[in-house]
Protein backbone atom coordinates (compact mmCIF):
# COMPACT_ATOMS: atom_id res chain seq x y z
CA MET A 1 210.54 161.02 9.99
CA PRO A 2 208.94 161.00 6.53
CA THR A 3 211.10 160.40 3.53
CA ARG A 4 211.52 162.89 0.70
CA THR A 5 209.35 160.75 -1.58
CA SER A 6 206.45 160.66 0.87
CA THR A 7 206.77 164.40 1.55
CA THR A 8 206.64 165.13 -2.17
CA ARG A 9 203.66 162.83 -2.59
CA ILE A 10 201.78 164.56 0.25
CA ALA A 11 202.57 167.98 -1.22
CA ARG A 12 201.33 166.85 -4.63
CA ILE A 13 198.08 165.45 -3.11
CA ARG A 14 197.55 168.71 -1.25
CA SER A 15 198.12 170.62 -4.47
CA PHE A 16 195.56 168.51 -6.32
CA SER A 17 193.09 168.81 -3.47
CA VAL A 18 193.33 172.60 -3.38
CA ALA A 19 193.10 172.79 -7.16
CA GLY A 20 190.15 170.40 -7.13
CA LEU A 21 188.36 172.44 -4.49
CA ALA A 22 188.99 175.64 -6.39
CA THR A 23 187.65 174.10 -9.60
CA ALA A 24 184.63 172.66 -7.82
CA GLY A 25 183.99 175.99 -6.11
CA ALA A 26 184.20 177.88 -9.39
CA ALA A 27 181.83 175.41 -11.04
CA ALA A 28 179.36 175.71 -8.16
CA ALA A 29 179.50 179.49 -8.34
CA LEU A 30 178.94 179.37 -12.11
CA LEU A 31 175.93 177.07 -11.70
CA THR A 32 174.48 179.39 -9.08
CA VAL A 33 174.83 182.45 -11.33
CA ALA A 34 173.91 180.87 -14.66
CA PRO A 35 170.16 180.22 -15.10
CA SER A 36 168.94 176.76 -15.93
CA PRO A 37 167.14 176.34 -19.27
CA ALA A 38 163.82 176.37 -17.38
CA GLN A 39 164.73 179.56 -15.56
CA ALA A 40 165.96 181.20 -18.76
CA ALA A 41 162.59 180.46 -20.39
CA GLU A 42 160.60 182.13 -17.58
CA PRO A 43 159.41 185.70 -18.21
CA HIS A 44 161.13 188.23 -16.00
CA SER A 45 159.03 191.34 -16.51
CA ALA A 46 156.31 192.33 -14.04
CA ALA A 47 153.85 192.67 -16.93
CA ALA A 48 154.51 189.09 -18.01
CA LYS A 49 153.97 187.79 -14.46
CA ALA A 50 150.76 189.79 -13.84
CA PRO A 51 148.37 187.49 -15.79
CA ALA A 52 149.70 184.45 -13.94
CA ALA A 53 149.27 186.20 -10.57
CA ALA A 54 145.75 187.32 -11.50
CA ALA A 55 144.79 183.77 -12.45
CA LYS A 56 146.03 182.49 -9.07
CA ALA A 57 144.17 185.27 -7.22
CA GLU A 58 140.87 184.41 -8.88
CA LYS A 59 138.76 182.36 -6.47
CA ASN A 60 136.10 179.83 -7.26
CA TYR A 61 133.20 179.78 -4.85
CA PRO A 62 130.70 176.93 -4.57
CA ASN A 63 127.19 177.74 -5.76
CA ASN A 64 125.61 177.32 -2.33
CA LEU A 65 124.97 179.37 0.80
CA ASP A 66 128.51 178.93 2.11
CA GLY A 67 130.02 180.02 -1.22
CA TRP A 68 127.66 183.01 -1.59
CA ILE A 69 128.54 184.25 1.89
CA LYS A 70 132.29 183.82 1.32
CA GLU A 71 132.16 185.59 -2.05
CA SER A 72 130.13 188.42 -0.51
CA LEU A 73 132.63 188.72 2.35
CA ASP A 74 135.50 189.05 -0.12
CA ILE A 75 133.64 191.80 -2.00
CA MET A 76 132.66 193.49 1.26
CA LYS A 77 136.27 193.44 2.43
CA SER A 78 137.45 195.01 -0.84
CA LYS A 79 134.81 197.76 -0.49
CA GLY A 80 135.30 198.40 3.24
CA ILE A 81 131.88 197.03 4.25
CA PRO A 82 132.02 195.46 7.72
CA GLY A 83 130.47 192.11 8.56
CA SER A 84 131.28 188.54 9.48
CA TYR A 85 130.34 185.12 8.22
CA GLU A 86 128.41 184.47 11.43
CA GLY A 87 126.44 187.73 11.21
CA LEU A 88 125.49 187.12 7.58
CA HIS A 89 124.59 183.47 8.13
CA ARG A 90 122.47 184.19 11.22
CA ASN A 91 120.47 186.88 9.41
CA ILE A 92 120.07 184.83 6.22
CA ILE A 93 118.71 181.83 8.12
CA ARG A 94 116.26 184.04 10.01
CA GLU A 95 115.12 185.97 6.91
CA SER A 96 114.92 183.28 4.22
CA ALA A 97 116.15 179.95 5.62
CA GLY A 98 118.85 180.15 2.93
CA ASP A 99 116.45 180.29 -0.05
CA PRO A 100 117.68 182.86 -2.60
CA ASN A 101 114.20 182.90 -4.19
CA ALA A 102 112.33 183.60 -0.94
CA GLN A 103 109.72 186.34 -1.22
CA ASN A 104 107.61 187.90 1.51
CA GLY A 105 104.07 188.34 0.25
CA TRP A 106 102.36 189.43 3.46
CA ASP A 107 104.25 192.28 5.23
CA VAL A 108 103.64 196.02 4.81
CA ASN A 109 106.18 196.23 1.96
CA ALA A 110 104.34 193.48 0.06
CA GLN A 111 100.98 195.15 0.76
CA ASN A 112 102.43 198.34 -0.75
CA GLY A 113 103.55 196.44 -3.88
CA THR A 114 107.24 196.12 -3.03
CA PRO A 115 107.81 192.65 -1.56
CA SER A 116 111.04 191.74 0.21
CA LYS A 117 113.08 189.23 -1.80
CA GLY A 118 116.15 187.05 -1.64
CA LEU A 119 118.38 185.69 1.06
CA LEU A 120 118.23 188.81 3.22
CA GLN A 121 114.72 189.94 2.23
CA VAL A 122 115.63 193.24 0.59
CA ILE A 123 113.08 195.47 -1.16
CA GLN A 124 113.92 196.81 -4.62
CA PRO A 125 114.38 200.50 -3.61
CA THR A 126 116.82 199.51 -0.85
CA PHE A 127 118.69 197.21 -3.23
CA ASP A 128 118.92 200.00 -5.82
CA ALA A 129 120.24 202.46 -3.24
CA TYR A 130 122.79 200.05 -1.67
CA HIS A 131 123.79 197.89 -4.63
CA VAL A 132 127.54 197.26 -4.61
CA SER A 133 129.42 197.56 -7.89
CA GLY A 134 131.04 194.33 -8.97
CA THR A 135 127.90 192.32 -8.18
CA PRO A 136 125.02 191.64 -10.57
CA ASN A 137 122.31 194.30 -10.64
CA ASN A 138 119.71 191.68 -9.74
CA LEU A 139 117.88 191.72 -6.40
CA THR A 140 117.59 187.93 -6.19
CA ASP A 141 121.19 187.17 -7.16
CA PRO A 142 122.51 185.64 -3.91
CA VAL A 143 125.83 187.52 -3.81
CA ALA A 144 124.30 190.85 -4.89
CA ASN A 145 121.50 190.46 -2.33
CA ILE A 146 123.85 189.65 0.55
CA THR A 147 126.31 192.40 -0.33
CA ALA A 148 123.65 195.10 -0.79
CA ALA A 149 121.94 194.10 2.47
CA ALA A 150 125.27 194.18 4.33
CA ASN A 151 125.98 197.61 2.81
CA TYR A 152 122.56 198.84 4.00
CA ALA A 153 123.06 197.33 7.47
CA ALA A 154 126.51 198.94 7.73
CA ASP A 155 124.98 202.34 6.93
CA LYS A 156 122.04 202.00 9.33
CA TYR A 157 123.42 199.77 12.13
CA GLY A 158 127.22 199.81 11.77
CA SER A 159 127.37 196.21 10.54
CA ILE A 160 125.16 193.27 9.61
CA ASP A 161 126.57 191.75 12.81
CA ASN A 162 124.53 194.27 14.83
CA VAL A 163 121.22 193.18 13.26
CA ASP A 164 119.25 190.72 15.40
CA SER A 165 115.75 191.12 13.95
CA ALA A 166 114.00 192.30 10.83
CA TYR A 167 115.67 195.44 9.60
């Protein structure tokens, strides 16, 4: 049977342990609620966070066929123009072999003074009619050419994916 001294000592240790846990718990709760200096310095308004979110959302595309197609697909998606990477790539390779400066000087359009130009061999009147806002107003700009041609193909064929020959 424990002695009175050991019982008192155990009670005192229990008292300190409970008090210590309560103090530690209160400190932990305070640290959870109180912001750190870094958190306190962060802006909390939606307007302050918007520029940072916009900067993260901005994409950089390589200046090559893969980048032009991917940028066009992002624009197409935002404008509701259907099409896939595969459909665009297949048609670009067939029409221009991936040369954004390709120009057809022999077909009926060229004979009539309106040669087909660019990656997807678009004539100027078609480009003007199907140009997509947000892209340069330049027939031979790779992204503008792809996006306008995909817009035309969507109107006439449902999607650039449905085009398997000259259109």
